[in-house]
Amino acid sequence: MTQLRCAVIGAGAAGFGVLRGLATHAGAVSVTLFDEAPDRADDMPAVAAADAGRPYRQDYLRHLKARLGASLPPAKSHFGRQLAGQPVEGWQPMFKSDPQGRLSDYWGASALPLPDRELADWPVEADALRPDYRDIAEAVAIAGEDDAVAALWGGGAATRPRIDRPRQFDRLTECLNRSGRSGAYRFVAGASRQAVETGPEAPNRCVSCGQCMSGCQLGAIFSPAAGIDRLAGLVSATVAGRVVRIDPSDRCLMVDSDGEQTRHGPFDLIFVAAGCLGSSRLLAQSGLAPDRMELQDNTVYSMVLARPGWPRLRNVKRSHTAMTNMIVAGLHDSGAGRDVFVQVYSFFDFIWLLKAPAPLHGLLRWLGAVLREHLAIVRIYMPAELSQAYWLDVDADGRLSVSLARPPAAVGAARAVARQLRRAFARAGAFLLPMPLIRHHTSSHYAATLPMGQGTVDETGAVADGVYLCDSAAFPRSPAYSPTMTIMAFARWVARHAVARRMGPATTGE
C-alpha cells in the first residue's frame, strides 16, 4: 500500500494532536516532523518520585536562583529558562513560542474540554470532537474527578485522581455550587483539571512539592515534547529548522536551518501546527493568508481570597500543588460566547523559598502551609468580546509585527463578576480582599487570527488543497476557558479526517 506523505510543522500541543490523529491511520502514512529546536534537554535532570527529596530540591532552588537572578516575583520559567517576548505597539510584550512548541512548557497545565455551549458557533459539532477529547484525555493523563463541572461537557475528561489540595477548597466548591444565579452568572465549581500524572503507581507521579511554576522536577506535568517522543515510531524523519514558506502548487516546504535554506517535499498533506503566532506568520508569508490579521486574547484579573479563622498550627500538611486547585465556570445568562472562567490557586511559598536562605526553608514551608488554608489566589478570565485584541502584520520577508487593535473592555465588567463571586464566596465564610483588580497584560491564550469557516480557512481546517491549519489560529473565537486540550483535540480531528478524505470515504480514522 502506498503511504501518504505527511508533513507536520510544529512540535507543541497542536503538533502532538496532529500526530495522535495520524496514529489512527498508522501504516497508511509516512510522517516528517519539522521542529525548530528538536533538542529539548533540561539543565536539571528529571528524577523519579522516590528521589525527589530535600537534596534534589535544594539543588533545584540553587539552580533557579542562579538562572532567574534577583527578580521579584520571579518570572514564570521552565527550569530557569524564560520565553522570549514579542514586542506589541501600544501594549506590553506578549510571549512567543520561539522555538516552536516551547510555549506549552510554560503553561499552568489546565486541561479541560470546552463546554458544548462554547462550541455552538464552531463548524465542528461538539459530538464530533468527543472521540478526540477522549483520546487526548487518555494520552495526557488528566487529574480531576467526576463532579459538577464535568456535566458541562457530558462527564468524563479526568483519567487520574485529582491533585492534592487544601481542605478549604472542598468547602468553597460546595458553597459555589449552591449559590445559584444572583446576577448575570451561574457558577459551577469543581476540582481543577490538570495535565498532571497522579497515578499512585506511576514513577513520575506528582508528589505535591509545590515547585511546579518553574518546571516539574519529575516530569509529572504533561509536555508535548515528551508526548511526541512516545510517538517516535510514527515519525519517519525529523527536520530541524524554521519552515519559512509553503508552496501550495506542489506542497513543498522551504526550511531555514542556520541561514541555509533547503526544499522538502512534495507532500500529500501538510499540517500547520506552529502555534497561533507561528502559523499565522507562515501562512501569510506563503500567500495563503492576509498580511494583516486580528488576534484575540483573554483579559485576566487576579484577586486574593481570604478565609478568616484560627490557624491550625499543629500537624500542618505541607505538600501542595502550586497550580490551579479549583475551577469555576461562570455561565452567562445570554448563552454561548459570554462565559467567564475562574481559576483558584492555592497560596504557595515558592517565592519565599527562592529568595530566602536555605536554613529558613523549613519554617517558611510550615508558614506557607498554614496560610494555604486561609488564603488563595483567584484569577478571572474574560471572554474575547471583553478582552484586548491585536493586529498581526507580516511583511514580504516574513517579519512579524504586533500592535494593539482594541484595548480590553472597561474594568467594570470584571468588577461585576467579582461582586457576584464575592457574594458566593461569602457563603463559604471567605471574602475577596478589598483591593483593586490586578490586570494581567497578556494571558498567552492567543486565537482566532484565521477563524475556520469564515474565508481563508474552510470548515475542515483546509487553507489550500492538502494544507491544513491545526491550532488555535483556526478557532472561531478565543474562549475564556483554557484552550490547550481543545487545541490538541481539534488538531487530532483535523488530521484524522484529512487522511480519511485522501484515502476514501470508507475510512474513519477511529
Protein backbone atom coordinates (compact mmCIF):
# COMPACT_ATOMS: atom_id res chain seq x y z
CA MET A 1 0.00 0.00 0.00
CA THR A 2 1.30 3.44 -0.95
CA GLN A 3 1.69 5.63 2.10
CA LEU A 4 0.53 9.23 2.23
CA ARG A 5 3.48 11.57 2.79
CA CYS A 6 2.55 13.95 5.63
CA ALA A 7 4.43 16.99 6.93
CA VAL A 8 3.74 18.25 10.45
CA ILE A 9 5.02 21.76 11.17
CA GLY A 10 5.46 22.36 14.90
CA ALA A 11 6.12 20.16 17.94
CA GLY A 12 3.91 21.81 20.54
CA ALA A 13 0.38 21.00 21.69
CA ALA A 14 -1.10 21.17 18.18
CA GLY A 15 1.72 19.10 16.69
CA PHE A 16 1.11 16.45 19.33
CA GLY A 17 -2.60 16.46 18.49
CA VAL A 18 -1.87 16.06 14.78
CA LEU A 19 0.37 13.07 15.46
CA ARG A 20 -2.34 11.50 17.64
CA GLY A 21 -4.72 11.88 14.70
CA LEU A 22 -2.24 10.42 12.21
CA ALA A 23 -1.68 7.50 14.58
CA THR A 24 -5.25 6.38 13.87
CA HIS A 25 -4.01 5.72 10.32
CA ALA A 26 -0.64 4.20 11.32
CA GLY A 27 0.76 2.20 8.43
CA ALA A 28 -1.04 4.34 5.87
CA VAL A 29 1.04 7.47 6.48
CA SER A 30 4.69 8.48 6.42
CA VAL A 31 5.34 11.46 8.71
CA THR A 32 8.06 14.11 8.62
CA LEU A 33 8.11 16.41 11.64
CA PHE A 34 9.53 19.91 11.21
CA ASP A 35 10.70 21.25 14.55
CA GLU A 36 12.76 24.38 15.01
CA ALA A 37 14.56 23.01 18.06
CA PRO A 38 14.34 19.22 18.48
CA ASP A 39 16.95 19.25 21.28
CA ARG A 40 14.93 19.96 24.42
CA ALA A 41 17.34 18.77 27.10
CA ASP A 42 16.75 20.38 30.50
CA ASP A 43 19.54 21.72 32.68
CA MET A 44 18.04 19.94 35.69
CA PRO A 45 17.52 16.21 35.07
CA ALA A 46 14.15 14.63 35.76
CA VAL A 47 14.06 12.21 38.68
CA ALA A 48 11.73 9.52 39.93
CA ALA A 49 9.24 10.44 42.63
CA ALA A 50 11.16 8.43 45.19
CA ASP A 51 14.30 10.51 44.55
CA ALA A 52 12.68 13.96 44.67
CA GLY A 53 13.74 14.57 48.24
CA ARG A 54 15.33 17.51 50.01
CA PRO A 55 18.83 17.26 48.43
CA TYR A 56 17.41 17.44 44.93
CA ARG A 57 15.02 20.26 45.88
CA GLN A 58 17.90 22.28 47.32
CA ASP A 59 19.95 21.81 44.15
CA TYR A 60 16.90 22.80 42.12
CA LEU A 61 16.39 26.02 44.08
CA ARG A 62 20.07 26.95 43.80
CA HIS A 63 19.87 26.40 40.05
CA LEU A 64 16.80 28.63 39.76
CA LYS A 65 18.38 31.38 41.82
CA ALA A 66 21.39 31.41 39.51
CA ARG A 67 19.22 31.48 36.38
CA LEU A 68 16.50 33.93 37.47
CA GLY A 69 18.57 36.42 39.41
CA ALA A 70 17.00 38.87 41.83
CA SER A 71 13.64 39.41 40.13
CA LEU A 72 10.67 39.56 42.50
CA PRO A 73 8.34 37.95 41.91
CA PRO A 74 10.40 35.54 39.83
CA ALA A 75 9.34 35.28 36.21
CA LYS A 76 7.47 32.18 35.04
CA SER A 77 10.16 29.92 33.69
CA HIS A 78 10.93 26.33 32.81
CA PHE A 79 13.93 25.10 34.82
CA GLY A 80 15.13 28.71 34.88
CA ARG A 81 14.71 29.30 31.15
CA GLN A 82 12.35 32.07 30.08
CA LEU A 83 10.40 32.70 26.91
CA ALA A 84 11.27 35.48 24.53
CA GLY A 85 8.89 38.41 24.29
CA GLN A 86 7.17 39.64 21.15
CA PRO A 87 7.01 43.47 21.22
CA VAL A 88 3.49 44.89 20.95
CA GLU A 89 2.99 48.51 19.94
CA GLY A 90 0.69 50.19 22.45
CA TRP A 91 0.79 47.26 24.89
CA GLN A 92 3.13 45.09 26.93
CA PRO A 93 5.18 42.38 25.18
CA MET A 94 3.46 39.07 24.63
CA PHE A 95 5.00 35.63 24.94
CA LYS A 96 6.01 33.96 21.73
CA SER A 97 6.68 30.31 21.14
CA ASP A 98 10.26 30.61 19.97
CA PRO A 99 11.44 27.96 19.31
CA GLN A 100 8.31 26.16 18.17
CA GLY A 101 6.35 24.32 20.81
CA ARG A 102 8.10 25.91 23.77
CA LEU A 103 5.08 27.91 24.96
CA SER A 104 3.46 24.66 26.06
CA ASP A 105 6.30 24.09 28.55
CA TYR A 106 5.33 27.24 30.45
CA TRP A 107 1.61 26.60 30.85
CA GLY A 108 -0.37 26.09 34.04
CA ALA A 109 -1.33 22.55 32.93
CA SER A 110 -5.07 23.36 32.88
CA ALA A 111 -6.64 20.79 30.53
CA LEU A 112 -10.39 20.67 30.05
CA PRO A 113 -12.74 20.47 27.09
CA LEU A 114 -14.81 23.44 26.06
CA PRO A 115 -18.42 23.28 27.27
CA ASP A 116 -20.88 22.46 24.50
CA ARG A 117 -22.29 25.99 24.63
CA GLU A 118 -18.83 27.38 23.76
CA LEU A 119 -18.73 25.20 20.63
CA ALA A 120 -22.10 26.44 19.37
CA ASP A 121 -20.54 28.74 16.75
CA TRP A 122 -17.92 26.23 15.59
CA PRO A 123 -18.32 24.49 12.23
CA VAL A 124 -17.34 21.31 14.12
CA GLU A 125 -20.14 19.92 16.28
CA ALA A 126 -19.40 19.10 19.90
CA ASP A 127 -20.28 15.41 19.38
CA ALA A 128 -17.76 15.18 16.53
CA LEU A 129 -14.93 16.26 18.85
CA ARG A 130 -15.77 13.88 21.70
CA PRO A 131 -13.66 10.95 20.39
CA ASP A 132 -10.72 13.33 20.07
CA TYR A 133 -11.18 14.75 23.56
CA ARG A 134 -11.35 11.20 24.95
CA ASP A 135 -8.16 10.15 23.18
CA ILE A 136 -6.26 13.23 24.36
CA ALA A 137 -7.50 12.74 27.93
CA GLU A 138 -6.12 9.19 27.93
CA ALA A 139 -2.83 10.19 26.33
CA VAL A 140 -2.17 13.22 28.52
CA ALA A 141 -3.19 11.91 31.98
CA ILE A 142 -5.66 14.46 33.36
CA ALA A 143 -6.10 14.71 37.11
CA GLY A 144 -9.61 15.55 38.29
CA GLU A 145 -12.88 13.93 39.34
CA ASP A 146 -16.44 13.41 38.15
CA ASP A 147 -18.07 16.47 39.68
CA ALA A 148 -20.43 19.33 38.83
CA VAL A 149 -18.23 20.88 36.13
CA ALA A 150 -17.92 17.52 34.35
CA ALA A 151 -21.59 17.86 33.35
CA LEU A 152 -20.69 20.90 31.20
CA TRP A 153 -19.03 18.60 28.67
CA GLY A 154 -21.00 15.41 29.23
CA GLY A 155 -18.93 13.85 32.00
CA GLY A 156 -15.55 12.17 31.97
CA ALA A 157 -12.40 14.04 30.91
CA ALA A 158 -10.47 13.14 34.08
CA THR A 159 -8.33 10.00 33.83
CA ARG A 160 -6.34 10.31 37.04
CA PRO A 161 -7.15 11.15 40.70
CA ARG A 162 -7.39 14.86 41.42
CA ILE A 163 -4.34 16.74 42.65
CA ASP A 164 -3.73 17.04 46.38
CA ARG A 165 -5.25 20.29 47.64
CA PRO A 166 -6.01 22.11 50.93
CA ARG A 167 -9.30 21.27 52.62
CA GLN A 168 -10.70 24.78 52.20
CA PHE A 169 -11.33 24.13 48.50
CA ASP A 170 -13.90 21.44 49.25
CA ARG A 171 -15.93 23.93 51.26
CA LEU A 172 -15.56 26.64 48.62
CA THR A 173 -16.67 24.27 45.86
CA GLU A 174 -19.74 23.14 47.77
CA CYS A 175 -20.90 26.68 48.51
CA LEU A 176 -20.34 28.00 44.99
CA ASN A 177 -22.42 25.17 43.56
CA ARG A 178 -25.25 26.09 45.93
CA SER A 179 -25.07 29.82 45.21
CA GLY A 180 -27.47 29.76 42.25
CA ARG A 181 -27.84 32.76 39.96
CA SER A 182 -27.96 36.07 41.74
CA GLY A 183 -26.68 38.13 38.81
CA ALA A 184 -25.65 37.59 35.20
CA TYR A 185 -23.72 34.40 36.01
CA ARG A 186 -24.41 30.99 37.44
CA PHE A 187 -21.25 29.48 38.92
CA VAL A 188 -20.38 25.82 38.56
CA ALA A 189 -17.31 24.77 40.56
CA GLY A 190 -15.18 21.67 40.73
CA ALA A 191 -11.72 20.23 41.04
CA SER A 192 -9.11 21.52 38.63
CA ARG A 193 -8.38 19.51 35.50
CA GLN A 194 -4.62 19.36 35.31
CA ALA A 195 -2.43 17.53 32.81
CA VAL A 196 -0.52 16.03 35.72
CA GLU A 197 0.29 12.39 36.40
CA THR A 198 -1.18 11.49 39.81
CA GLY A 199 -1.49 7.72 39.37
CA PRO A 200 -0.11 6.11 42.54
CA GLU A 201 1.93 3.53 40.59
CA ALA A 202 3.43 5.95 38.04
CA PRO A 203 7.19 6.54 38.52
CA ASN A 204 6.73 10.22 37.58
CA ARG A 205 3.69 10.80 39.79
CA CYS A 206 3.20 14.22 41.34
CA VAL A 207 4.50 14.44 44.92
CA SER A 208 2.91 17.88 45.57
CA CYS A 209 6.26 19.55 46.21
CA GLY A 210 4.84 22.95 45.25
CA GLN A 211 7.60 23.95 42.83
CA CYS A 212 5.57 23.45 39.63
CA MET A 213 5.79 27.07 38.50
CA SER A 214 9.36 26.80 37.23
CA GLY A 215 9.46 23.33 35.73
CA CYS A 216 8.42 19.97 37.16
CA GLN A 217 11.38 18.01 38.51
CA LEU A 218 9.57 14.71 37.98
CA GLY A 219 8.10 15.22 34.55
CA ALA A 220 4.66 14.81 36.09
CA ILE A 221 3.30 17.81 34.17
CA PHE A 222 2.49 16.85 30.60
CA SER A 223 4.90 18.13 27.98
CA PRO A 224 4.05 17.87 24.27
CA ALA A 225 7.71 17.13 23.59
CA ALA A 226 7.55 14.08 25.87
CA GLY A 227 4.24 13.06 24.30
CA ILE A 228 5.75 13.28 20.81
CA ASP A 229 8.72 11.23 21.96
CA ARG A 230 6.27 8.44 22.81
CA LEU A 231 5.04 8.59 19.19
CA ALA A 232 8.56 8.30 17.76
CA GLY A 233 7.64 5.13 15.87
CA LEU A 234 5.13 7.12 13.82
CA VAL A 235 7.64 9.78 12.71
CA SER A 236 9.81 8.73 9.77
CA ALA A 237 12.08 11.78 9.90
CA THR A 238 12.57 14.98 11.90
CA VAL A 239 13.89 18.12 10.20
CA ALA A 240 15.46 20.82 12.41
CA GLY A 241 14.79 24.34 11.20
CA ARG A 242 12.18 27.03 10.71
CA VAL A 243 9.70 26.50 7.89
CA VAL A 244 9.63 29.84 6.06
CA ARG A 245 7.35 29.09 3.14
CA ILE A 246 4.75 26.63 1.90
CA ASP A 247 4.37 26.23 -1.86
CA PRO A 248 0.72 25.20 -2.32
CA SER A 249 1.24 24.31 -6.01
CA ASP A 250 3.27 21.19 -5.22
CA ARG A 251 3.01 21.14 -1.39
CA CYS A 252 6.74 21.61 -0.83
CA LEU A 253 8.31 23.38 2.15
CA MET A 254 11.23 25.78 2.29
CA VAL A 255 13.15 25.37 5.56
CA ASP A 256 15.79 27.67 7.04
CA SER A 257 18.45 25.96 9.14
CA ASP A 258 21.15 28.32 10.42
CA GLY A 259 20.75 30.62 7.42
CA GLU A 260 20.80 27.85 4.82
CA GLN A 261 17.53 27.15 3.03
CA THR A 262 16.53 23.72 1.76
CA ARG A 263 13.44 22.47 -0.03
CA HIS A 264 11.48 19.46 1.24
CA GLY A 265 8.66 17.57 -0.40
CA PRO A 266 6.41 17.19 -2.18
CA PHE A 267 3.93 16.02 0.44
CA ASP A 268 0.39 14.71 0.10
CA LEU A 269 -0.72 16.55 3.24
CA ILE A 270 0.76 19.44 5.21
CA PHE A 271 -0.41 20.16 8.76
CA VAL A 272 0.45 23.64 10.07
CA ALA A 273 0.69 23.44 13.85
CA ALA A 274 3.29 26.06 14.79
CA GLY A 275 1.14 27.93 17.33
CA CYS A 276 -1.15 30.88 16.68
CA LEU A 277 1.63 33.39 16.02
CA GLY A 278 3.89 31.00 14.13
CA SER A 279 1.17 29.50 11.96
CA SER A 280 -0.34 32.90 11.11
CA ARG A 281 3.07 34.25 10.09
CA LEU A 282 3.91 31.21 7.98
CA LEU A 283 0.60 31.17 6.11
CA ALA A 284 0.78 34.92 5.42
CA GLN A 285 4.37 34.63 4.19
CA SER A 286 3.26 31.79 1.90
CA GLY A 287 0.45 33.85 0.37
CA LEU A 288 -2.19 31.63 1.99
CA ALA A 289 -3.46 34.23 4.47
CA PRO A 290 -3.84 38.03 4.61
CA ASP A 291 -0.79 40.02 5.64
CA ARG A 292 -2.88 41.67 8.39
CA MET A 293 -4.89 39.57 10.86
CA GLU A 294 -6.68 40.28 14.12
CA LEU A 295 -5.57 38.20 17.10
CA GLN A 296 -7.82 37.61 20.10
CA ASP A 297 -6.69 37.16 23.69
CA ASN A 298 -8.30 36.89 27.12
CA THR A 299 -8.05 39.65 29.69
CA VAL A 300 -7.15 38.18 33.10
CA TYR A 301 -7.69 39.76 36.52
CA SER A 302 -6.31 38.48 39.83
CA MET A 303 -7.56 38.91 43.39
CA VAL A 304 -6.76 37.47 46.81
CA LEU A 305 -9.32 35.35 48.66
CA ALA A 306 -9.16 35.08 52.45
CA ARG A 307 -10.95 32.74 54.85
CA PRO A 308 -10.84 34.00 58.45
CA GLY A 309 -10.39 31.69 61.39
CA TRP A 310 -7.88 30.42 63.89
CA PRO A 311 -4.92 28.89 62.05
CA ARG A 312 -4.14 25.24 62.54
CA LEU A 313 -0.59 25.23 63.91
CA ARG A 314 -0.02 21.53 64.56
CA ASN A 315 0.09 18.62 62.11
CA VAL A 316 0.09 21.05 59.20
CA LYS A 317 0.11 19.40 55.79
CA ARG A 318 2.95 20.97 53.84
CA SER A 319 2.51 19.25 50.48
CA HIS A 320 0.63 21.15 47.78
CA THR A 321 0.45 21.75 44.06
CA ALA A 322 1.20 25.33 43.05
CA MET A 323 -1.21 25.36 40.13
CA THR A 324 -4.96 25.68 39.83
CA ASN A 325 -6.65 23.77 42.66
CA MET A 326 -10.23 24.65 41.76
CA ILE A 327 -12.02 25.78 38.60
CA VAL A 328 -15.26 27.73 38.26
CA ALA A 329 -17.31 28.16 35.09
CA GLY A 330 -19.26 31.40 35.11
CA LEU A 331 -22.21 30.64 32.82
CA HIS A 332 -23.67 33.85 31.39
CA ASP A 333 -27.44 34.06 31.13
CA SER A 334 -27.16 35.20 27.49
CA GLY A 335 -25.96 31.77 26.38
CA ALA A 336 -22.90 30.93 24.29
CA GLY A 337 -19.95 33.24 23.93
CA ARG A 338 -20.08 35.28 27.13
CA ASP A 339 -18.94 32.87 29.85
CA VAL A 340 -16.10 33.70 32.20
CA PHE A 341 -13.67 31.18 33.63
CA VAL A 342 -12.22 31.33 37.13
CA GLN A 343 -9.14 29.53 38.39
CA VAL A 344 -8.38 29.42 42.12
CA TYR A 345 -4.80 28.76 43.15
CA SER A 346 -3.55 27.54 46.46
CA PHE A 347 -1.39 30.12 48.22
CA PHE A 348 2.18 28.98 47.50
CA ASP A 349 5.54 29.67 49.13
CA PHE A 350 7.73 29.22 46.07
CA ILE A 351 8.70 32.91 46.01
CA TRP A 352 9.82 32.80 49.63
CA LEU A 353 11.88 29.64 49.16
CA LEU A 354 13.55 31.05 46.08
CA LYS A 355 14.64 34.23 47.86
CA ALA A 356 15.28 33.01 51.39
CA PRO A 357 18.43 31.39 52.84
CA ALA A 358 18.25 27.60 52.94
CA PRO A 359 18.18 27.37 56.80
CA LEU A 360 14.83 29.23 56.78
CA HIS A 361 13.13 26.97 54.26
CA GLY A 362 11.64 24.60 56.84
CA LEU A 363 10.00 27.45 58.77
CA LEU A 364 8.78 29.16 55.62
CA ARG A 365 7.27 25.96 54.20
CA TRP A 366 5.41 25.46 57.50
CA LEU A 367 4.16 29.06 57.45
CA GLY A 368 3.08 28.69 53.82
CA ALA A 369 1.16 25.51 54.68
CA VAL A 370 -0.70 27.34 57.48
CA LEU A 371 -1.61 30.21 55.15
CA ARG A 372 -2.82 27.89 52.40
CA GLU A 373 -5.88 27.02 54.46
CA HIS A 374 -6.75 30.72 54.70
CA LEU A 375 -5.52 32.42 51.52
CA ALA A 376 -5.97 31.70 47.82
CA ILE A 377 -5.36 33.49 44.52
CA VAL A 378 -8.40 33.98 42.27
CA ARG A 379 -7.96 34.63 38.54
CA ILE A 380 -10.85 35.65 36.29
CA TYR A 381 -10.51 35.01 32.55
CA MET A 382 -12.77 37.23 30.46
CA PRO A 383 -14.23 36.22 27.07
CA ALA A 384 -12.82 37.62 23.83
CA GLU A 385 -15.63 40.15 23.47
CA LEU A 386 -14.47 41.87 26.67
CA SER A 387 -10.73 41.43 26.13
CA GLN A 388 -7.90 43.03 24.19
CA ALA A 389 -7.17 42.24 20.54
CA TYR A 390 -4.05 42.78 18.46
CA TRP A 391 -3.14 43.35 14.83
CA LEU A 392 -0.64 40.92 13.35
CA ASP A 393 1.20 42.31 10.33
CA VAL A 394 3.54 40.18 8.22
CA ASP A 395 5.81 41.86 5.68
CA ALA A 396 7.14 40.37 2.44
CA ASP A 397 10.17 38.92 4.23
CA GLY A 398 8.04 37.18 6.84
CA ARG A 399 8.82 39.59 9.66
CA LEU A 400 6.02 39.77 12.20
CA SER A 401 4.93 42.95 13.98
CA VAL A 402 2.15 43.24 16.55
CA SER A 403 0.14 46.26 17.67
CA LEU A 404 -2.83 46.79 19.93
CA ALA A 405 -6.05 46.74 17.89
CA ARG A 406 -8.52 47.08 20.76
CA PRO A 407 -7.98 47.56 24.50
CA PRO A 408 -9.94 45.42 26.94
CA ALA A 409 -13.42 46.47 27.98
CA ALA A 410 -13.81 48.76 30.96
CA VAL A 411 -12.82 47.14 34.22
CA GLY A 412 -16.46 47.49 35.32
CA ALA A 413 -17.29 44.23 33.51
CA ALA A 414 -14.74 42.34 35.61
CA ARG A 415 -15.87 44.11 38.77
CA ALA A 416 -19.41 42.88 38.14
CA VAL A 417 -18.09 39.31 38.01
CA ALA A 418 -16.02 39.92 41.15
CA ARG A 419 -19.06 41.27 43.03
CA GLN A 420 -21.07 38.17 42.27
CA LEU A 421 -18.13 35.93 43.19
CA ARG A 422 -17.73 37.86 46.42
CA ARG A 423 -21.33 37.09 47.41
CA ALA A 424 -20.93 33.41 46.52
CA PHE A 425 -17.63 33.03 48.41
CA ALA A 426 -19.14 34.76 51.43
CA ARG A 427 -21.49 31.81 51.90
CA ALA A 428 -18.37 29.69 52.48
CA GLY A 429 -17.07 32.13 55.07
CA ALA A 430 -14.45 33.57 52.69
CA PHE A 431 -14.08 37.04 51.23
CA LEU A 432 -12.18 38.72 48.43
CA LEU A 433 -9.80 41.29 49.85
CA PRO A 434 -10.89 44.91 49.16
CA MET A 435 -8.13 45.71 46.70
CA PRO A 436 -8.07 46.85 43.06
CA LEU A 437 -8.31 44.11 40.47
CA ILE A 438 -4.84 43.26 39.17
CA ARG A 439 -4.97 43.05 35.38
CA HIS A 440 -2.50 40.87 33.51
CA HIS A 441 -1.24 42.38 30.28
CA THR A 442 -1.38 39.12 28.34
CA SER A 443 -2.70 35.64 29.01
CA SER A 444 -0.99 33.62 26.23
CA HIS A 445 -4.39 32.28 25.09
CA TYR A 446 -3.95 33.60 21.56
CA ALA A 447 -6.53 32.55 18.98
CA ALA A 448 -8.79 33.29 16.02
CA THR A 449 -6.47 35.03 13.56
CA LEU A 450 -7.87 32.83 10.76
CA PRO A 451 -11.25 31.55 12.03
CA MET A 452 -12.35 28.46 10.19
CA GLY A 453 -15.46 28.67 8.08
CA GLN A 454 -15.05 32.41 7.65
CA GLY A 455 -12.99 32.78 4.48
CA THR A 456 -9.32 31.80 4.50
CA VAL A 457 -9.84 28.51 6.36
CA ASP A 458 -12.73 26.24 5.41
CA GLU A 459 -14.87 24.13 7.74
CA THR A 460 -12.38 21.25 7.64
CA GLY A 461 -9.35 23.39 8.55
CA ALA A 462 -8.04 23.50 4.97
CA VAL A 463 -6.34 26.65 3.66
CA ALA A 464 -5.41 25.08 0.30
CA ASP A 465 -5.59 21.66 -1.30
CA GLY A 466 -3.83 19.36 1.17
CA VAL A 467 -2.73 22.18 3.51
CA TYR A 468 -4.44 22.32 6.91
CA LEU A 469 -4.33 24.75 9.85
CA CYS A 470 -4.44 22.77 13.10
CA ASP A 471 -4.06 25.13 16.06
CA SER A 472 -5.88 27.93 17.86
CA ALA A 473 -5.38 30.31 14.93
CA ALA A 474 -8.36 28.48 13.36
CA PHE A 475 -10.63 28.85 16.40
CA PRO A 476 -13.72 30.98 15.65
CA ARG A 477 -13.05 32.94 18.85
CA SER A 478 -10.89 32.89 21.96
CA PRO A 479 -12.94 31.36 24.79
CA ALA A 480 -12.36 32.30 28.40
CA TYR A 481 -11.70 28.63 29.17
CA SER A 482 -8.21 27.16 28.90
CA PRO A 483 -7.69 26.27 25.21
CA THR A 484 -4.86 23.73 25.34
CA MET A 485 -6.87 20.50 25.45
CA THR A 486 -9.11 21.78 22.68
CA ILE A 487 -6.05 22.68 20.59
CA MET A 488 -4.87 19.07 20.86
CA ALA A 489 -8.33 17.58 20.24
CA PHE A 490 -9.03 19.90 17.28
CA ALA A 491 -5.65 19.10 15.71
CA ARG A 492 -6.37 15.40 16.07
CA TRP A 493 -9.80 15.85 14.45
CA VAL A 494 -8.34 17.77 11.51
CA ALA A 495 -5.57 15.24 10.90
CA ARG A 496 -7.60 12.07 11.04
CA HIS A 497 -10.32 13.46 8.79
CA ALA A 498 -7.82 14.91 6.30
CA VAL A 499 -6.20 11.50 5.88
CA ALA A 500 -9.60 9.80 5.66
CA ARG A 501 -10.65 12.10 2.83
CA ARG A 502 -7.48 11.27 0.89
CA MET A 503 -7.84 7.55 1.46
CA GLY A 504 -11.54 7.30 0.64
CA PRO A 505 -14.96 7.73 2.22
CA ALA A 506 -14.95 4.37 3.97
CA THR A 507 -12.08 5.37 6.25
CA THR A 508 -12.99 6.91 9.61
CA GLY A 509 -9.69 7.05 11.49
CA GLU A 510 -11.34 5.64 14.62
